[in-house]
Amino acid sequence: MEMNIRDHWDNLSPGTRQWLTENPGCVVLPRTVTEIVHQETGITADSDQHDQASLSREDLDFIRARAEGTPAQPDHRIFDAKQPG
């Protein structure tokens, strides 16, 4: 199972969010951070032999956007069309 940080961002503590945004280039979470994310969100991510979890491209993009202070891009856009009247 992937981490899926974006969908669980609001469940993370401010300290965990801060760590992630201060380390936006980290593609593999250290085991202590992996365990903290698990405790705070209930996510049980696939991990390697050192209990480290890899982040998906989507998670990396989301965390980088947060670190840069830009809103994350939605997966889709909704356009509201108005008919000529």
Protein backbone atom coordinates (compact mmCIF):
# COMPACT_ATOMS: atom_id res chain seq x y z
CA MET A 1 0.00 0.00 0.00
CA GLU A 2 1.29 3.48 -0.87
CA MET A 3 1.48 6.28 1.66
CA ASN A 4 -0.96 8.65 -0.12
CA ILE A 5 0.10 11.64 1.96
CA ARG A 6 -2.19 14.09 0.16
CA ASP A 7 -5.39 12.31 1.20
CA HIS A 8 -4.24 12.07 4.83
CA TRP A 9 -2.53 15.47 5.17
CA ASP A 10 -5.10 16.82 7.63
CA ASN A 11 -4.56 13.79 9.90
CA LEU A 12 -0.84 14.49 10.25
CA SER A 13 0.41 16.46 13.23
CA PRO A 14 1.90 19.91 12.59
CA GLY A 15 5.34 18.51 13.46
CA THR A 16 5.07 15.74 10.88
CA ARG A 17 3.83 18.17 8.23
CA GLN A 18 6.72 20.47 9.04
CA TRP A 19 9.24 17.64 8.70
CA LEU A 20 7.80 16.65 5.33
CA THR A 21 7.81 20.22 3.97
CA GLU A 22 11.35 20.83 5.26
CA ASN A 23 12.50 17.65 3.47
CA PRO A 24 10.62 17.82 0.14
CA GLY A 25 13.31 15.90 -1.75
CA CYS A 26 13.10 12.85 0.50
CA VAL A 27 11.84 10.01 -1.71
CA VAL A 28 12.16 7.36 1.03
CA LEU A 29 10.85 8.14 4.51
CA PRO A 30 13.07 7.09 7.40
CA ARG A 31 11.57 4.36 9.56
CA THR A 32 10.80 6.72 12.45
CA VAL A 33 8.85 9.04 10.14
CA THR A 34 7.14 6.05 8.50
CA GLU A 35 6.03 4.85 11.94
CA ILE A 36 4.82 8.31 12.97
CA VAL A 37 2.76 8.62 9.76
CA HIS A 38 1.33 5.16 10.45
CA GLN A 39 0.36 6.13 14.01
CA GLU A 40 -1.21 9.42 12.94
CA THR A 41 -3.09 8.16 9.88
CA GLY A 42 -3.43 4.40 10.21
CA ILE A 43 -1.69 3.94 6.84
CA THR A 44 0.36 0.78 6.68
CA ALA A 45 2.64 1.45 3.74
CA ASP A 46 4.80 -1.05 1.92
CA SER A 47 8.27 -0.75 3.38
CA ASP A 48 11.71 -2.12 2.69
CA GLN A 49 13.84 -4.33 4.94
CA HIS A 50 14.72 -1.24 7.00
CA ASP A 51 11.04 -0.29 7.54
CA GLN A 52 11.44 2.74 5.27
CA ALA A 53 8.57 3.68 2.95
CA SER A 54 8.91 5.09 -0.55
CA LEU A 55 6.78 8.04 -1.55
CA SER A 56 4.82 8.04 -4.80
CA ARG A 57 5.35 10.69 -7.49
CA GLU A 58 1.99 12.19 -6.47
CA ASP A 59 3.07 12.44 -2.82
CA LEU A 60 6.39 14.02 -3.81
CA ASP A 61 4.64 16.61 -6.00
CA PHE A 62 2.13 17.35 -3.24
CA ILE A 63 4.81 17.78 -0.57
CA ARG A 64 6.93 19.99 -2.85
CA ALA A 65 3.90 22.16 -3.57
CA ARG A 66 3.26 22.51 0.16
CA ALA A 67 6.93 23.33 0.77
CA GLU A 68 6.81 26.05 -1.90
CA GLY A 69 3.59 27.41 -0.49
CA THR A 70 1.65 26.79 -3.69
CA PRO A 71 -1.65 24.96 -3.65
CA ALA A 72 -1.54 21.43 -4.98
CA GLN A 73 -3.07 20.94 -8.40
CA PRO A 74 -6.34 19.02 -8.37
CA ASP A 75 -6.59 15.72 -10.20
CA HIS A 76 -9.28 17.17 -12.40
CA ARG A 77 -10.82 20.52 -13.19
CA ILE A 78 -14.48 21.39 -13.34
CA PHE A 79 -15.58 23.96 -15.86
CA ASP A 80 -18.92 25.64 -15.47
CA ALA A 81 -20.36 26.54 -18.83
CA LYS A 82 -23.13 29.06 -19.16
CA GLN A 83 -25.51 28.73 -22.06
CA PRO A 84 -26.17 31.86 -24.13
CA GLY A 85 -29.40 33.33 -23.08
